[in-house]
């Protein structure tokens, strides 16, 4: 018996590329609080494009795009990344 038959079809639990594109972006400046990407562990350089998650953690755009396509959580605090609009009751 194959593992896929036991576990069923594995589905990514990440965001779509369209949703990932909706995350806010900023251009890194040396006076910003965070100085390195916690995914690739490289220091940010002036002018690099970063994406900001709803929990306010920032990452290189390419790094978080790859992560978020598989996992809809922040790699640091594991807060779920949701781009749904809040409902008003």
C-alpha atoms as a PDB file:
ATOM      1  CA  UNK A   1       0.000   0.000   0.000  1.00  0.00           C
ATOM      2  CA  UNK A   2       1.331   3.448  -0.938  1.00  0.00           C
ATOM      3  CA  UNK A   3       1.614   6.190   1.650  1.00  0.00           C
ATOM      4  CA  UNK A   4      -0.698   8.419  -0.396  1.00  0.00           C
ATOM      5  CA  UNK A   5      -3.360   5.702  -0.193  1.00  0.00           C
ATOM      6  CA  UNK A   6      -3.055   5.625   3.586  1.00  0.00           C
ATOM      7  CA  UNK A   7      -2.950   9.381   4.142  1.00  0.00           C
ATOM      8  CA  UNK A   8      -5.055  10.515   1.205  1.00  0.00           C
ATOM      9  CA  UNK A   9      -4.085  13.309  -1.133  1.00  0.00           C
ATOM     10  CA  UNK A  10      -1.723  15.775   0.484  1.00  0.00           C
ATOM     11  CA  UNK A  11      -2.808  19.341  -0.082  1.00  0.00           C
ATOM     12  CA  UNK A  12      -0.777  22.452   0.457  1.00  0.00           C
ATOM     13  CA  UNK A  13      -2.055  24.457   3.386  1.00  0.00           C
ATOM     14  CA  UNK A  14      -0.661  27.669   1.998  1.00  0.00           C
ATOM     15  CA  UNK A  15      -1.933  30.786   0.307  1.00  0.00           C
ATOM     16  CA  UNK A  16      -2.478  31.106  -3.404  1.00  0.00           C
ATOM     17  CA  UNK A  17      -0.065  33.226  -5.412  1.00  0.00           C
ATOM     18  CA  UNK A  18      -2.835  35.807  -5.840  1.00  0.00           C
ATOM     19  CA  UNK A  19      -3.292  36.058  -2.055  1.00  0.00           C
ATOM     20  CA  UNK A  20       0.461  36.221  -1.500  1.00  0.00           C
ATOM     21  CA  UNK A  21       0.597  39.193  -3.882  1.00  0.00           C
ATOM     22  CA  UNK A  22      -1.892  40.999  -1.628  1.00  0.00           C
ATOM     23  CA  UNK A  23       0.522  41.045   1.332  1.00  0.00           C
ATOM     24  CA  UNK A  24       1.888  44.533   2.029  1.00  0.00           C
ATOM     25  CA  UNK A  25       5.393  45.295   0.760  1.00  0.00           C
ATOM     26  CA  UNK A  26       8.005  47.778   1.956  1.00  0.00           C
ATOM     27  CA  UNK A  27      11.436  48.779   0.744  1.00  0.00           C
ATOM     28  CA  UNK A  28      14.087  48.065   3.381  1.00  0.00           C
ATOM     29  CA  UNK A  29      15.865  51.038   4.941  1.00  0.00           C
ATOM     30  CA  UNK A  30      18.699  50.722   7.450  1.00  0.00           C
ATOM     31  CA  UNK A  31      16.675  52.457  10.179  1.00  0.00           C
ATOM     32  CA  UNK A  32      14.008  49.717  10.197  1.00  0.00           C
ATOM     33  CA  UNK A  33      13.681  47.551  13.299  1.00  0.00           C
ATOM     34  CA  UNK A  34      14.273  44.126  11.723  1.00  0.00           C
ATOM     35  CA  UNK A  35      17.650  43.550  10.068  1.00  0.00           C
ATOM     36  CA  UNK A  36      17.556  39.964   8.762  1.00  0.00           C
ATOM     37  CA  UNK A  37      15.222  37.513   7.082  1.00  0.00           C
ATOM     38  CA  UNK A  38      14.438  34.654   9.454  1.00  0.00           C
ATOM     39  CA  UNK A  39      13.858  32.285   6.540  1.00  0.00           C
ATOM     40  CA  UNK A  40      17.164  32.587   4.651  1.00  0.00           C
ATOM     41  CA  UNK A  41      19.037  34.174   7.598  1.00  0.00           C
ATOM     42  CA  UNK A  42      20.603  36.830   5.336  1.00  0.00           C
ATOM     43  CA  UNK A  43      20.800  40.434   6.461  1.00  0.00           C
ATOM     44  CA  UNK A  44      18.557  42.825   4.596  1.00  0.00           C
ATOM     45  CA  UNK A  45      20.249  45.244   2.247  1.00  0.00           C
ATOM     46  CA  UNK A  46      19.162  48.791   1.523  1.00  0.00           C
ATOM     47  CA  UNK A  47      16.445  48.847  -1.144  1.00  0.00           C
ATOM     48  CA  UNK A  48      15.382  45.182  -0.920  1.00  0.00           C
ATOM     49  CA  UNK A  49      11.662  44.442  -1.121  1.00  0.00           C
ATOM     50  CA  UNK A  50      10.174  42.900   2.025  1.00  0.00           C
ATOM     51  CA  UNK A  51       6.705  41.552   2.680  1.00  0.00           C
ATOM     52  CA  UNK A  52       4.976  42.197   5.978  1.00  0.00           C
ATOM     53  CA  UNK A  53       2.655  39.592   7.484  1.00  0.00           C
ATOM     54  CA  UNK A  54      -0.426  40.530   9.561  1.00  0.00           C
ATOM     55  CA  UNK A  55       1.621  39.737  12.717  1.00  0.00           C
ATOM     56  CA  UNK A  56       4.104  42.441  11.547  1.00  0.00           C
ATOM     57  CA  UNK A  57       7.029  40.062  10.948  1.00  0.00           C
ATOM     58  CA  UNK A  58       8.919  40.878   7.743  1.00  0.00           C
ATOM     59  CA  UNK A  59      10.790  38.684   5.252  1.00  0.00           C
ATOM     60  CA  UNK A  60      12.395  38.899   1.828  1.00  0.00           C
ATOM     61  CA  UNK A  61       9.543  38.837  -0.655  1.00  0.00           C
ATOM     62  CA  UNK A  62      10.857  35.745  -2.468  1.00  0.00           C
ATOM     63  CA  UNK A  63      11.504  33.871   0.795  1.00  0.00           C
ATOM     64  CA  UNK A  64       8.045  34.407   2.261  1.00  0.00           C
ATOM     65  CA  UNK A  65       6.335  33.734  -1.090  1.00  0.00           C
ATOM     66  CA  UNK A  66       7.887  30.266  -1.162  1.00  0.00           C
ATOM     67  CA  UNK A  67       7.053  29.607   2.516  1.00  0.00           C
ATOM     68  CA  UNK A  68       3.503  30.960   2.359  1.00  0.00           C
ATOM     69  CA  UNK A  69       2.653  28.812  -0.678  1.00  0.00           C
ATOM     70  CA  UNK A  70       3.051  25.732   1.554  1.00  0.00           C
ATOM     71  CA  UNK A  71       2.176  27.072   5.026  1.00  0.00           C
ATOM     72  CA  UNK A  72      -0.376  29.790   5.781  1.00  0.00           C
ATOM     73  CA  UNK A  73       1.378  30.667   9.028  1.00  0.00           C
ATOM     74  CA  UNK A  74       4.165  33.008  10.051  1.00  0.00           C
ATOM     75  CA  UNK A  75       7.473  31.095  10.216  1.00  0.00           C
ATOM     76  CA  UNK A  76       8.363  32.918  13.448  1.00  0.00           C
ATOM     77  CA  UNK A  77       5.217  33.050  15.594  1.00  0.00           C
ATOM     78  CA  UNK A  78       2.997  30.575  13.673  1.00  0.00           C
ATOM     79  CA  UNK A  79       0.064  33.001  13.576  1.00  0.00           C
ATOM     80  CA  UNK A  80      -2.266  32.098  10.730  1.00  0.00           C
ATOM     81  CA  UNK A  81      -1.910  34.385   7.730  1.00  0.00           C
ATOM     82  CA  UNK A  82      -5.407  35.255   6.599  1.00  0.00           C
ATOM     83  CA  UNK A  83      -6.316  37.917   4.093  1.00  0.00           C
ATOM     84  CA  UNK A  84     -10.049  37.643   4.658  1.00  0.00           C
ATOM     85  CA  UNK A  85     -11.832  40.893   5.316  1.00  0.00           C
ATOM     86  CA  UNK A  86     -13.233  41.132   8.830  1.00  0.00           C
ATOM     87  CA  UNK A  87     -16.987  40.792   9.073  1.00  0.00           C
ATOM     88  CA  UNK A  88     -19.024  43.423  10.851  1.00  0.00           C
ATOM     89  CA  UNK A  89     -21.790  42.136  13.063  1.00  0.00           C
END
